[in-house]
């Protein structure tokens, strides 16, 4: 499983463990290319060098997990990780592509029909842990003007991080991935049910 960054990796690892899902090797893109390029930009470079890795032969399938910042466009960007390297990308979020005989798929976060990102997906879990966060953080973002930022993903990150800073006294600077790893936030929240179902059925989907 290839994701965008360390926070994504932390949430996904915790989700797989907490839900007793099939085992996945999870890496973020900067861990998988020599330039250490992270985020979506790193997907193309990570896939480019993957076939040269000593363990590539043992991979059963490849799943890219990425934010759905813009409907259709975000999926198209993720597909280029495969097509730019000469591989057959999935034609839609429910399809399977091929990379040197290995099945490949793309999972959009929070879903392929909902615009958002990791923080959007995690907000219900954040509000379940800190019920006052929704009202307090909204007031703060309105006061600071962050609620009017042009980039939706920046607003989502500000909302999630403000909740942690304002409510998690032991370590206000802890990132969202580590909040899940340390059990502060729960991957058992129903907001993760759809993602968990996808991962549970990944082998069947890919025929492996």
N, C-alpha and C. Protein backbone atom coordinates (compact mmCIF):
# COMPACT_ATOMS: atom_id res chain seq x y z
N UNK A 1 0.85 -1.18 0.00
CA UNK A 1 0.00 0.00 0.00
C UNK A 1 0.89 1.24 0.00
N UNK A 2 0.61 2.14 -0.92
CA UNK A 2 1.41 3.35 -1.07
C UNK A 2 0.51 4.55 -0.79
N UNK A 3 0.86 5.36 0.22
CA UNK A 3 0.05 6.51 0.59
C UNK A 3 0.87 7.79 0.47
N UNK A 4 0.25 8.92 0.80
CA UNK A 4 0.88 10.22 0.55
C UNK A 4 1.94 10.61 1.58
N UNK A 5 1.66 10.40 2.86
CA UNK A 5 2.57 10.90 3.88
C UNK A 5 2.53 10.12 5.18
N UNK A 6 3.27 10.60 6.15
CA UNK A 6 3.42 9.90 7.43
C UNK A 6 2.10 9.82 8.19
N UNK A 7 1.29 10.88 8.14
CA UNK A 7 0.00 10.83 8.82
C UNK A 7 -0.90 9.76 8.21
N UNK A 8 -0.94 9.71 6.88
CA UNK A 8 -1.73 8.68 6.20
C UNK A 8 -1.27 7.29 6.65
N UNK A 9 0.03 7.09 6.67
CA UNK A 9 0.59 5.79 7.06
C UNK A 9 0.18 5.43 8.47
N UNK A 10 0.24 6.38 9.39
CA UNK A 10 -0.13 6.10 10.77
C UNK A 10 -1.59 5.71 10.92
N UNK A 11 -2.46 6.42 10.22
CA UNK A 11 -3.89 6.12 10.30
C UNK A 11 -4.17 4.75 9.67
N UNK A 12 -3.59 4.49 8.52
CA UNK A 12 -3.85 3.23 7.82
C UNK A 12 -3.30 2.03 8.58
N UNK A 13 -2.11 2.17 9.13
CA UNK A 13 -1.54 1.07 9.93
C UNK A 13 -2.43 0.77 11.14
N UNK A 14 -2.91 1.81 11.78
CA UNK A 14 -3.77 1.63 12.95
C UNK A 14 -5.10 1.00 12.55
N UNK A 15 -5.64 1.43 11.41
CA UNK A 15 -6.91 0.89 10.92
C UNK A 15 -6.79 -0.61 10.64
N UNK A 16 -5.72 -1.00 9.96
CA UNK A 16 -5.51 -2.41 9.64
C UNK A 16 -5.38 -3.24 10.91
N UNK A 17 -4.64 -2.73 11.88
CA UNK A 17 -4.43 -3.45 13.14
C UNK A 17 -5.71 -3.52 13.97
N UNK A 18 -6.38 -2.39 14.14
CA UNK A 18 -7.55 -2.33 15.02
C UNK A 18 -8.72 -3.14 14.48
N UNK A 19 -8.83 -3.20 13.15
CA UNK A 19 -9.96 -3.90 12.53
C UNK A 19 -9.60 -5.35 12.16
N UNK A 20 -8.36 -5.75 12.46
CA UNK A 20 -7.90 -7.11 12.13
C UNK A 20 -8.09 -7.40 10.64
N UNK A 21 -7.67 -6.44 9.82
CA UNK A 21 -7.77 -6.57 8.37
C UNK A 21 -6.59 -7.38 7.83
N UNK A 22 -6.67 -7.81 6.58
CA UNK A 22 -5.52 -8.51 5.98
C UNK A 22 -4.27 -7.67 6.08
N UNK A 23 -3.15 -8.30 6.22
CA UNK A 23 -1.88 -7.60 6.41
C UNK A 23 -1.46 -6.87 5.15
N UNK A 24 -1.06 -5.62 5.31
CA UNK A 24 -0.54 -4.81 4.21
C UNK A 24 0.83 -4.26 4.60
N UNK A 25 1.73 -4.21 3.63
CA UNK A 25 2.97 -3.46 3.82
C UNK A 25 2.66 -2.03 3.40
N UNK A 26 2.76 -1.09 4.33
CA UNK A 26 2.34 0.29 4.07
C UNK A 26 3.55 1.21 4.08
N UNK A 27 3.69 1.98 3.00
CA UNK A 27 4.77 2.96 2.88
C UNK A 27 4.18 4.26 2.35
N UNK A 28 4.78 5.37 2.74
CA UNK A 28 4.39 6.62 2.08
C UNK A 28 5.39 6.92 0.97
N UNK A 29 4.99 7.76 0.04
CA UNK A 29 5.73 7.91 -1.21
C UNK A 29 7.18 8.33 -1.02
N UNK A 30 7.46 9.18 -0.02
CA UNK A 30 8.83 9.64 0.18
C UNK A 30 9.77 8.52 0.62
N UNK A 31 9.21 7.44 1.14
CA UNK A 31 10.02 6.29 1.56
C UNK A 31 10.40 5.40 0.38
N UNK A 32 9.79 5.66 -0.77
CA UNK A 32 9.91 4.72 -1.89
C UNK A 32 10.56 5.29 -3.14
N UNK A 33 11.26 6.42 -3.02
CA UNK A 33 12.00 6.94 -4.16
C UNK A 33 13.26 7.62 -3.67
N UNK A 34 14.33 7.55 -4.44
CA UNK A 34 15.63 8.07 -3.97
C UNK A 34 15.64 9.57 -3.73
N UNK A 35 14.74 10.31 -4.40
CA UNK A 35 14.69 11.75 -4.19
C UNK A 35 13.93 12.13 -2.93
N UNK A 36 13.28 11.13 -2.29
CA UNK A 36 12.48 11.35 -1.09
C UNK A 36 11.34 12.33 -1.34
N UNK A 37 10.81 12.31 -2.55
CA UNK A 37 9.69 13.16 -2.91
C UNK A 37 8.41 12.59 -2.32
N UNK A 38 7.71 13.40 -1.53
CA UNK A 38 6.51 12.92 -0.86
C UNK A 38 5.23 13.33 -1.56
N UNK A 39 4.12 13.00 -0.92
CA UNK A 39 2.81 13.38 -1.44
C UNK A 39 2.48 12.73 -2.76
N UNK A 40 1.53 13.32 -3.46
CA UNK A 40 1.10 12.78 -4.75
C UNK A 40 2.21 12.82 -5.79
N UNK A 41 3.05 13.85 -5.72
CA UNK A 41 4.15 13.97 -6.67
C UNK A 41 5.08 12.78 -6.59
N UNK A 42 5.21 12.23 -5.41
CA UNK A 42 6.12 11.10 -5.21
C UNK A 42 5.61 9.78 -5.75
N UNK A 43 4.31 9.69 -6.08
CA UNK A 43 3.77 8.42 -6.56
C UNK A 43 4.45 7.96 -7.86
N UNK A 44 4.59 8.87 -8.81
CA UNK A 44 5.19 8.51 -10.10
C UNK A 44 6.61 7.99 -9.89
N UNK A 45 7.37 8.66 -9.04
CA UNK A 45 8.75 8.26 -8.81
C UNK A 45 8.84 6.97 -8.01
N UNK A 46 7.89 6.78 -7.09
CA UNK A 46 7.89 5.54 -6.30
C UNK A 46 7.59 4.33 -7.18
N UNK A 47 6.62 4.46 -8.06
CA UNK A 47 6.27 3.35 -8.95
C UNK A 47 7.40 3.09 -9.94
N UNK A 48 8.06 4.14 -10.39
CA UNK A 48 9.15 4.00 -11.36
C UNK A 48 10.26 3.09 -10.84
N UNK A 49 10.59 3.24 -9.57
CA UNK A 49 11.70 2.46 -9.04
C UNK A 49 11.30 1.18 -8.34
N UNK A 50 10.00 0.93 -8.25
CA UNK A 50 9.53 -0.20 -7.46
C UNK A 50 9.95 -1.55 -8.03
N UNK A 51 9.91 -1.67 -9.35
CA UNK A 51 10.21 -2.98 -9.95
C UNK A 51 11.67 -3.39 -9.75
N UNK A 52 12.53 -2.43 -9.41
CA UNK A 52 13.94 -2.74 -9.19
C UNK A 52 14.22 -3.19 -7.75
N UNK A 53 13.22 -3.05 -6.88
CA UNK A 53 13.42 -3.43 -5.48
C UNK A 53 13.55 -4.94 -5.36
N UNK A 54 14.37 -5.37 -4.43
CA UNK A 54 14.62 -6.80 -4.27
C UNK A 54 13.35 -7.57 -3.89
N UNK A 55 12.43 -6.90 -3.21
CA UNK A 55 11.22 -7.59 -2.77
C UNK A 55 10.05 -7.47 -3.72
N UNK A 56 10.26 -6.86 -4.89
CA UNK A 56 9.13 -6.65 -5.81
C UNK A 56 8.50 -7.97 -6.24
N UNK A 57 9.31 -8.98 -6.42
CA UNK A 57 8.80 -10.28 -6.87
C UNK A 57 7.79 -10.85 -5.89
N UNK A 58 7.93 -10.49 -4.60
CA UNK A 58 7.05 -11.05 -3.58
C UNK A 58 5.75 -10.26 -3.40
N UNK A 59 5.66 -9.09 -4.03
CA UNK A 59 4.44 -8.29 -3.91
C UNK A 59 3.29 -9.00 -4.61
N UNK A 60 2.14 -9.03 -3.94
CA UNK A 60 0.97 -9.67 -4.54
C UNK A 60 0.10 -8.67 -5.28
N UNK A 61 0.17 -7.41 -4.89
CA UNK A 61 -0.61 -6.37 -5.52
C UNK A 61 -0.18 -5.02 -5.00
N UNK A 62 -0.61 -3.95 -5.66
CA UNK A 62 -0.21 -2.59 -5.28
C UNK A 62 -1.47 -1.73 -5.19
N UNK A 63 -1.59 -1.03 -4.06
CA UNK A 63 -2.73 -0.14 -3.84
C UNK A 63 -2.22 1.25 -3.52
N UNK A 64 -2.63 2.23 -4.31
CA UNK A 64 -2.33 3.63 -4.02
C UNK A 64 -3.52 4.23 -3.27
N UNK A 65 -3.25 4.86 -2.14
CA UNK A 65 -4.28 5.53 -1.35
C UNK A 65 -4.00 7.03 -1.40
N UNK A 66 -4.96 7.81 -1.87
CA UNK A 66 -4.70 9.22 -2.10
C UNK A 66 -5.93 10.08 -1.82
N UNK A 67 -5.70 11.34 -1.50
CA UNK A 67 -6.80 12.27 -1.22
C UNK A 67 -7.60 12.59 -2.48
N UNK A 68 -8.89 12.74 -2.30
CA UNK A 68 -9.77 13.12 -3.41
C UNK A 68 -10.02 14.63 -3.35
N UNK A 69 -8.96 15.40 -3.54
CA UNK A 69 -9.05 16.86 -3.44
C UNK A 69 -9.99 17.45 -4.48
N UNK A 70 -10.01 16.85 -5.66
CA UNK A 70 -10.86 17.32 -6.75
C UNK A 70 -11.46 16.11 -7.45
N UNK A 71 -12.78 16.07 -7.54
CA UNK A 71 -13.44 14.94 -8.17
C UNK A 71 -12.91 14.71 -9.58
N UNK A 72 -12.66 13.50 -9.92
CA UNK A 72 -12.16 13.04 -11.22
C UNK A 72 -10.69 13.42 -11.44
N UNK A 73 -10.35 14.68 -11.19
CA UNK A 73 -8.96 15.11 -11.43
C UNK A 73 -7.98 14.40 -10.50
N UNK A 74 -8.36 14.20 -9.25
CA UNK A 74 -7.46 13.54 -8.30
C UNK A 74 -7.24 12.09 -8.69
N UNK A 75 -8.29 11.43 -9.15
CA UNK A 75 -8.14 10.04 -9.60
C UNK A 75 -7.26 9.98 -10.84
N UNK A 76 -7.45 10.94 -11.74
CA UNK A 76 -6.63 11.00 -12.95
C UNK A 76 -5.16 11.21 -12.60
N UNK A 77 -4.89 12.04 -11.60
CA UNK A 77 -3.51 12.26 -11.16
C UNK A 77 -2.90 10.97 -10.61
N UNK A 78 -3.67 10.23 -9.83
CA UNK A 78 -3.17 8.98 -9.27
C UNK A 78 -2.91 7.95 -10.37
N UNK A 79 -3.74 7.92 -11.38
CA UNK A 79 -3.55 6.98 -12.49
C UNK A 79 -2.20 7.20 -13.18
N UNK A 80 -1.75 8.45 -13.20
CA UNK A 80 -0.50 8.76 -13.90
C UNK A 80 0.71 8.12 -13.25
N UNK A 81 0.58 7.75 -11.98
CA UNK A 81 1.68 7.02 -11.34
C UNK A 81 1.99 5.75 -12.11
N UNK A 82 0.96 5.14 -12.68
CA UNK A 82 1.13 3.92 -13.46
C UNK A 82 1.34 4.22 -14.95
N UNK A 83 0.49 5.05 -15.53
CA UNK A 83 0.57 5.29 -16.98
C UNK A 83 1.87 5.98 -17.38
N UNK A 84 2.36 6.89 -16.54
CA UNK A 84 3.62 7.57 -16.87
C UNK A 84 4.81 6.62 -16.83
N UNK A 85 4.62 5.47 -16.20
CA UNK A 85 5.67 4.47 -16.14
C UNK A 85 5.40 3.28 -17.06
N UNK A 86 4.42 3.45 -17.95
CA UNK A 86 4.15 2.42 -18.95
C UNK A 86 3.30 1.26 -18.49
N UNK A 87 2.56 1.44 -17.38
CA UNK A 87 1.73 0.37 -16.86
C UNK A 87 0.25 0.68 -17.08
N UNK A 88 -0.59 -0.34 -16.97
CA UNK A 88 -2.03 -0.18 -17.18
C UNK A 88 -2.70 0.22 -15.87
N UNK A 89 -3.17 1.46 -15.79
CA UNK A 89 -3.81 1.95 -14.57
C UNK A 89 -5.28 1.52 -14.53
N UNK A 90 -5.87 1.45 -13.35
CA UNK A 90 -7.31 1.19 -13.26
C UNK A 90 -8.08 2.28 -14.01
N UNK A 91 -9.13 1.90 -14.71
CA UNK A 91 -9.89 2.88 -15.48
C UNK A 91 -10.88 3.64 -14.62
N UNK A 92 -11.21 3.10 -13.45
CA UNK A 92 -12.08 3.79 -12.49
C UNK A 92 -11.76 3.27 -11.09
N UNK A 93 -12.28 3.92 -10.04
CA UNK A 93 -11.92 3.52 -8.68
C UNK A 93 -12.33 2.11 -8.28
N UNK A 94 -13.19 1.49 -9.06
CA UNK A 94 -13.62 0.12 -8.74
C UNK A 94 -12.95 -0.92 -9.63
N UNK A 95 -12.03 -0.47 -10.47
CA UNK A 95 -11.37 -1.37 -11.42
C UNK A 95 -9.95 -1.70 -10.96
N UNK A 96 -9.37 -2.67 -11.64
CA UNK A 96 -8.02 -3.13 -11.33
C UNK A 96 -7.16 -2.99 -12.57
N UNK A 97 -5.96 -2.44 -12.40
CA UNK A 97 -5.00 -2.32 -13.49
C UNK A 97 -3.93 -3.38 -13.38
N UNK A 98 -2.83 -3.17 -14.11
CA UNK A 98 -1.77 -4.18 -14.13
C UNK A 98 -0.40 -3.51 -14.19
N UNK A 99 0.51 -4.03 -13.38
CA UNK A 99 1.91 -3.59 -13.40
C UNK A 99 2.79 -4.83 -13.41
N UNK A 100 3.30 -5.17 -14.57
CA UNK A 100 4.19 -6.31 -14.72
C UNK A 100 3.56 -7.59 -14.16
N UNK A 101 2.27 -7.76 -14.45
CA UNK A 101 1.58 -8.96 -14.01
C UNK A 101 1.00 -8.91 -12.62
N UNK A 102 1.18 -7.79 -11.93
CA UNK A 102 0.63 -7.64 -10.58
C UNK A 102 -0.57 -6.69 -10.63
N UNK A 103 -1.66 -7.02 -9.92
CA UNK A 103 -2.83 -6.16 -9.92
C UNK A 103 -2.57 -4.86 -9.16
N UNK A 104 -3.13 -3.77 -9.67
CA UNK A 104 -2.98 -2.47 -9.03
C UNK A 104 -4.35 -1.81 -8.91
N UNK A 105 -4.54 -1.04 -7.85
CA UNK A 105 -5.82 -0.36 -7.62
C UNK A 105 -5.55 0.98 -6.96
N UNK A 106 -6.59 1.82 -6.95
CA UNK A 106 -6.48 3.16 -6.37
C UNK A 106 -7.67 3.37 -5.43
N UNK A 107 -7.37 3.76 -4.19
CA UNK A 107 -8.40 4.04 -3.19
C UNK A 107 -8.41 5.53 -2.91
N UNK A 108 -9.55 6.17 -3.15
CA UNK A 108 -9.69 7.61 -2.93
C UNK A 108 -10.21 7.87 -1.52
N UNK A 109 -9.62 8.88 -0.87
CA UNK A 109 -9.99 9.26 0.49
C UNK A 109 -10.63 10.66 0.47
N UNK A 110 -11.79 10.87 1.11
CA UNK A 110 -12.56 9.93 1.93
C UNK A 110 -13.34 8.89 1.11
N UNK A 111 -13.65 9.19 -0.17
CA UNK A 111 -14.23 8.21 -1.08
C UNK A 111 -14.12 8.76 -2.49
N UNK A 112 -14.43 7.95 -3.48
CA UNK A 112 -14.31 8.42 -4.86
C UNK A 112 -15.44 9.38 -5.25
N UNK A 113 -16.48 9.50 -4.41
CA UNK A 113 -17.59 10.39 -4.72
C UNK A 113 -17.65 11.62 -3.81
N UNK A 114 -16.77 11.67 -2.82
CA UNK A 114 -16.76 12.77 -1.85
C UNK A 114 -15.43 13.50 -1.91
N UNK A 115 -15.48 14.81 -2.11
CA UNK A 115 -14.26 15.62 -2.13
C UNK A 115 -13.72 15.75 -0.71
N UNK A 116 -12.42 15.59 -0.55
CA UNK A 116 -11.83 15.73 0.77
C UNK A 116 -10.47 15.08 0.85
N UNK A 117 -10.04 14.79 2.06
CA UNK A 117 -8.71 14.28 2.30
C UNK A 117 -8.69 13.45 3.58
N UNK A 118 -7.50 13.10 4.03
CA UNK A 118 -7.37 12.28 5.24
C UNK A 118 -8.05 12.95 6.43
N UNK A 119 -7.85 14.25 6.57
CA UNK A 119 -8.42 14.96 7.71
C UNK A 119 -9.94 15.00 7.64
N UNK A 120 -10.48 15.13 6.44
CA UNK A 120 -11.93 15.08 6.26
C UNK A 120 -12.47 13.74 6.74
N UNK A 121 -11.78 12.66 6.35
CA UNK A 121 -12.17 11.32 6.76
C UNK A 121 -12.15 11.17 8.27
N UNK A 122 -11.15 11.74 8.91
CA UNK A 122 -10.93 11.53 10.34
C UNK A 122 -11.76 12.44 11.25
N UNK A 123 -12.40 13.45 10.70
CA UNK A 123 -13.10 14.43 11.55
C UNK A 123 -14.13 13.79 12.49
N UNK A 124 -14.95 12.84 12.04
CA UNK A 124 -15.90 12.22 12.99
C UNK A 124 -15.21 11.55 14.17
N UNK A 125 -14.05 10.95 13.94
CA UNK A 125 -13.30 10.33 15.04
C UNK A 125 -12.76 11.39 15.98
N UNK A 126 -12.34 12.51 15.43
CA UNK A 126 -11.84 13.62 16.24
C UNK A 126 -12.96 14.18 17.11
N UNK A 127 -14.13 14.38 16.51
CA UNK A 127 -15.26 14.94 17.25
C UNK A 127 -15.80 13.95 18.28
N UNK A 128 -15.67 12.66 18.01
CA UNK A 128 -16.10 11.66 18.98
C UNK A 128 -15.21 11.69 20.22
N UNK A 129 -13.93 11.93 20.02
CA UNK A 129 -12.98 11.99 21.13
C UNK A 129 -13.10 13.29 21.89
N UNK A 130 -13.28 14.39 21.17
CA UNK A 130 -13.37 15.72 21.78
C UNK A 130 -14.66 16.40 21.29
N UNK A 131 -15.79 16.12 21.93
CA UNK A 131 -17.09 16.62 21.45
C UNK A 131 -17.17 18.14 21.29
N UNK A 132 -16.42 18.87 22.09
CA UNK A 132 -16.47 20.33 22.00
C UNK A 132 -15.62 20.88 20.86
N UNK A 133 -14.85 20.01 20.23
CA UNK A 133 -13.92 20.47 19.19
C UNK A 133 -14.66 21.09 18.00
N UNK A 134 -15.79 20.52 17.63
CA UNK A 134 -16.49 21.03 16.46
C UNK A 134 -16.87 22.49 16.62
N UNK A 135 -17.46 22.83 17.74
CA UNK A 135 -17.87 24.21 17.97
C UNK A 135 -16.68 25.13 18.21
N UNK A 136 -15.75 24.68 19.04
CA UNK A 136 -14.61 25.53 19.39
C UNK A 136 -13.69 25.79 18.20
N UNK A 137 -13.40 24.74 17.44
CA UNK A 137 -12.49 24.89 16.30
C UNK A 137 -13.15 25.72 15.20
N UNK A 138 -14.45 25.51 14.99
CA UNK A 138 -15.15 26.32 14.00
C UNK A 138 -15.09 27.80 14.36
N UNK A 139 -15.28 28.11 15.63
CA UNK A 139 -15.20 29.50 16.09
C UNK A 139 -13.80 30.06 15.87
N UNK A 140 -12.79 29.23 16.16
CA UNK A 140 -11.40 29.69 15.97
C UNK A 140 -11.10 29.96 14.49
N UNK A 141 -11.52 29.05 13.61
CA UNK A 141 -11.25 29.24 12.19
C UNK A 141 -12.01 30.44 11.63
N UNK A 142 -13.21 30.68 12.15
CA UNK A 142 -13.95 31.87 11.73
C UNK A 142 -13.22 33.14 12.19
N UNK A 143 -12.70 33.09 13.40
CA UNK A 143 -11.98 34.25 13.96
C UNK A 143 -10.69 34.53 13.20
N UNK A 144 -9.95 33.46 12.88
CA UNK A 144 -8.65 33.63 12.22
C UNK A 144 -8.79 33.89 10.72
N UNK A 145 -9.95 33.54 10.18
CA UNK A 145 -10.14 33.67 8.74
C UNK A 145 -9.74 32.44 7.96
N UNK A 146 -9.27 31.40 8.68
CA UNK A 146 -8.83 30.18 7.99
C UNK A 146 -9.99 29.48 7.28
N UNK A 147 -11.21 29.70 7.76
CA UNK A 147 -12.36 29.07 7.13
C UNK A 147 -12.61 29.59 5.72
N UNK A 148 -11.93 30.68 5.36
CA UNK A 148 -12.10 31.27 4.03
C UNK A 148 -10.90 31.01 3.12
N UNK A 149 -9.96 30.20 3.58
CA UNK A 149 -8.81 29.87 2.74
C UNK A 149 -9.28 29.24 1.43
N UNK A 150 -8.53 29.49 0.38
CA UNK A 150 -8.93 29.00 -0.94
C UNK A 150 -8.74 27.50 -1.07
N UNK A 151 -7.75 26.95 -0.41
CA UNK A 151 -7.44 25.53 -0.56
C UNK A 151 -8.18 24.72 0.49
N UNK A 152 -9.09 23.89 0.04
CA UNK A 152 -9.93 23.09 0.94
C UNK A 152 -9.09 22.20 1.85
N UNK A 153 -8.05 21.59 1.31
CA UNK A 153 -7.25 20.67 2.11
C UNK A 153 -6.55 21.40 3.25
N UNK A 154 -6.19 22.65 3.04
CA UNK A 154 -5.55 23.44 4.10
C UNK A 154 -6.53 23.70 5.24
N UNK A 155 -7.79 23.93 4.90
CA UNK A 155 -8.82 24.13 5.93
C UNK A 155 -9.01 22.85 6.73
N UNK A 156 -9.03 21.72 6.04
CA UNK A 156 -9.21 20.43 6.72
C UNK A 156 -8.06 20.17 7.70
N UNK A 157 -6.84 20.44 7.25
CA UNK A 157 -5.68 20.24 8.12
C UNK A 157 -5.72 21.20 9.31
N UNK A 158 -6.11 22.45 9.07
CA UNK A 158 -6.21 23.42 10.16
C UNK A 158 -7.25 22.98 11.18
N UNK A 159 -8.35 22.41 10.71
CA UNK A 159 -9.41 21.97 11.60
C UNK A 159 -8.93 20.80 12.48
N UNK A 160 -8.28 19.81 11.85
CA UNK A 160 -7.82 18.65 12.60
C UNK A 160 -6.71 19.02 13.59
N UNK A 161 -5.77 19.82 13.15
CA UNK A 161 -4.64 20.17 14.01
C UNK A 161 -5.05 21.09 15.14
N UNK A 162 -6.01 21.99 14.86
CA UNK A 162 -6.49 22.88 15.91
C UNK A 162 -7.16 22.10 17.02
N UNK A 163 -7.87 21.03 16.65
CA UNK A 163 -8.52 20.20 17.66
C UNK A 163 -7.48 19.55 18.57
N UNK A 164 -6.42 19.02 17.98
CA UNK A 164 -5.37 18.37 18.77
C UNK A 164 -4.66 19.38 19.66
N UNK A 165 -4.33 20.53 19.10
CA UNK A 165 -3.63 21.56 19.88
C UNK A 165 -4.49 22.04 21.04
N UNK A 166 -5.78 22.17 20.81
CA UNK A 166 -6.65 22.71 21.84
C UNK A 166 -7.14 21.71 22.87
N UNK A 167 -7.10 20.41 22.53
CA UNK A 167 -7.72 19.43 23.42
C UNK A 167 -6.80 18.32 23.92
N UNK A 168 -5.65 18.13 23.27
CA UNK A 168 -4.77 17.05 23.72
C UNK A 168 -3.61 17.62 24.51
N UNK A 169 -3.82 17.79 25.79
CA UNK A 169 -2.84 18.42 26.67
C UNK A 169 -1.50 17.70 26.75
N UNK A 170 -1.47 16.34 26.76
CA UNK A 170 -0.17 15.67 26.89
C UNK A 170 0.83 16.01 25.80
N UNK A 171 0.36 16.26 24.59
CA UNK A 171 1.27 16.62 23.49
C UNK A 171 0.48 17.33 22.41
N UNK A 172 0.28 18.64 22.54
CA UNK A 172 -0.52 19.39 21.58
C UNK A 172 0.04 19.39 20.16
N UNK A 173 1.31 19.04 20.01
CA UNK A 173 1.93 19.07 18.69
C UNK A 173 1.90 17.72 17.99
N UNK A 174 1.31 16.71 18.62
CA UNK A 174 1.27 15.38 18.03
C UNK A 174 0.44 15.38 16.75
N UNK A 175 0.99 14.83 15.67
CA UNK A 175 0.29 14.77 14.39
C UNK A 175 -0.83 13.75 14.42
N UNK A 176 -1.72 13.85 13.45
CA UNK A 176 -2.91 13.00 13.45
C UNK A 176 -2.55 11.51 13.33
N UNK A 177 -1.52 11.19 12.56
CA UNK A 177 -1.10 9.80 12.45
C UNK A 177 -0.68 9.22 13.78
N UNK A 178 0.07 9.98 14.55
CA UNK A 178 0.53 9.51 15.86
C UNK A 178 -0.61 9.49 16.88
N UNK A 179 -1.60 10.36 16.72
CA UNK A 179 -2.75 10.32 17.61
C UNK A 179 -3.50 8.99 17.48
N UNK A 180 -3.54 8.46 16.27
CA UNK A 180 -4.14 7.14 16.07
C UNK A 180 -3.21 6.04 16.57
N UNK A 181 -1.93 6.15 16.27
CA UNK A 181 -0.98 5.13 16.72
C UNK A 181 -0.96 4.99 18.23
N UNK A 182 -1.13 6.11 18.94
CA UNK A 182 -1.07 6.09 20.40
C UNK A 182 -2.43 5.81 21.03
N UNK A 183 -3.44 5.57 20.21
CA UNK A 183 -4.75 5.22 20.75
C UNK A 183 -5.56 6.39 21.25
N UNK A 184 -5.11 7.60 20.98
CA UNK A 184 -5.87 8.78 21.39
C UNK A 184 -7.14 8.89 20.55
N UNK A 185 -7.00 8.64 19.26
CA UNK A 185 -8.14 8.60 18.34
C UNK A 185 -8.38 7.16 17.92
N UNK A 186 -9.63 6.82 17.68
CA UNK A 186 -9.99 5.43 17.44
C UNK A 186 -10.28 5.14 15.96
N UNK A 187 -9.61 4.10 15.45
CA UNK A 187 -9.86 3.63 14.08
C UNK A 187 -11.10 2.76 14.00
N UNK A 188 -11.76 2.55 15.14
CA UNK A 188 -13.00 1.78 15.16
C UNK A 188 -14.22 2.66 14.90
N UNK A 189 -14.00 3.96 14.80
CA UNK A 189 -15.11 4.88 14.51
C UNK A 189 -15.77 4.49 13.18
N UNK A 190 -17.08 4.56 13.09
CA UNK A 190 -17.78 4.18 11.85
C UNK A 190 -17.35 4.96 10.60
N UNK A 191 -16.69 6.10 10.78
CA UNK A 191 -16.26 6.88 9.62
C UNK A 191 -15.27 6.10 8.76
N UNK A 192 -14.66 5.06 9.33
CA UNK A 192 -13.68 4.26 8.59
C UNK A 192 -14.26 2.97 8.01
N UNK A 193 -15.55 2.76 8.19
CA UNK A 193 -16.15 1.49 7.77
C UNK A 193 -15.99 1.21 6.28
N UNK A 194 -16.22 2.22 5.46
CA UNK A 194 -16.14 2.01 4.01
C UNK A 194 -14.71 1.68 3.58
N UNK A 195 -13.74 2.39 4.16
CA UNK A 195 -12.33 2.13 3.85
C UNK A 195 -11.95 0.73 4.31
N UNK A 196 -12.40 0.37 5.51
CA UNK A 196 -12.08 -0.95 6.05
C UNK A 196 -12.66 -2.06 5.17
N UNK A 197 -13.87 -1.86 4.68
CA UNK A 197 -14.49 -2.85 3.80
C UNK A 197 -13.70 -3.01 2.51
N UNK A 198 -13.25 -1.89 1.95
CA UNK A 198 -12.44 -1.95 0.73
C UNK A 198 -11.18 -2.76 0.96
N UNK A 199 -10.49 -2.48 2.07
CA UNK A 199 -9.24 -3.20 2.37
C UNK A 199 -9.50 -4.67 2.67
N UNK A 200 -10.60 -4.96 3.34
CA UNK A 200 -10.95 -6.34 3.64
C UNK A 200 -11.16 -7.13 2.35
N UNK A 201 -11.73 -6.49 1.35
CA UNK A 201 -12.07 -7.17 0.10
C UNK A 201 -11.03 -6.98 -1.00
N UNK A 202 -9.89 -6.39 -0.67
CA UNK A 202 -8.90 -6.06 -1.69
C UNK A 202 -8.40 -7.30 -2.44
N UNK A 203 -8.09 -8.36 -1.71
CA UNK A 203 -7.59 -9.57 -2.34
C UNK A 203 -8.61 -10.14 -3.33
N UNK A 204 -9.87 -10.18 -2.91
CA UNK A 204 -10.93 -10.69 -3.78
C UNK A 204 -11.10 -9.81 -5.00
N UNK A 205 -11.07 -8.51 -4.81
CA UNK A 205 -11.19 -7.55 -5.89
C UNK A 205 -10.11 -7.78 -6.94
N UNK A 206 -8.91 -8.05 -6.47
CA UNK A 206 -7.75 -8.20 -7.36
C UNK A 206 -7.55 -9.64 -7.85
N UNK A 207 -8.31 -10.57 -7.29
CA UNK A 207 -8.16 -11.96 -7.69
C UNK A 207 -6.88 -12.60 -7.23
N UNK A 208 -6.43 -12.23 -6.03
CA UNK A 208 -5.18 -12.80 -5.51
C UNK A 208 -5.43 -13.56 -4.21
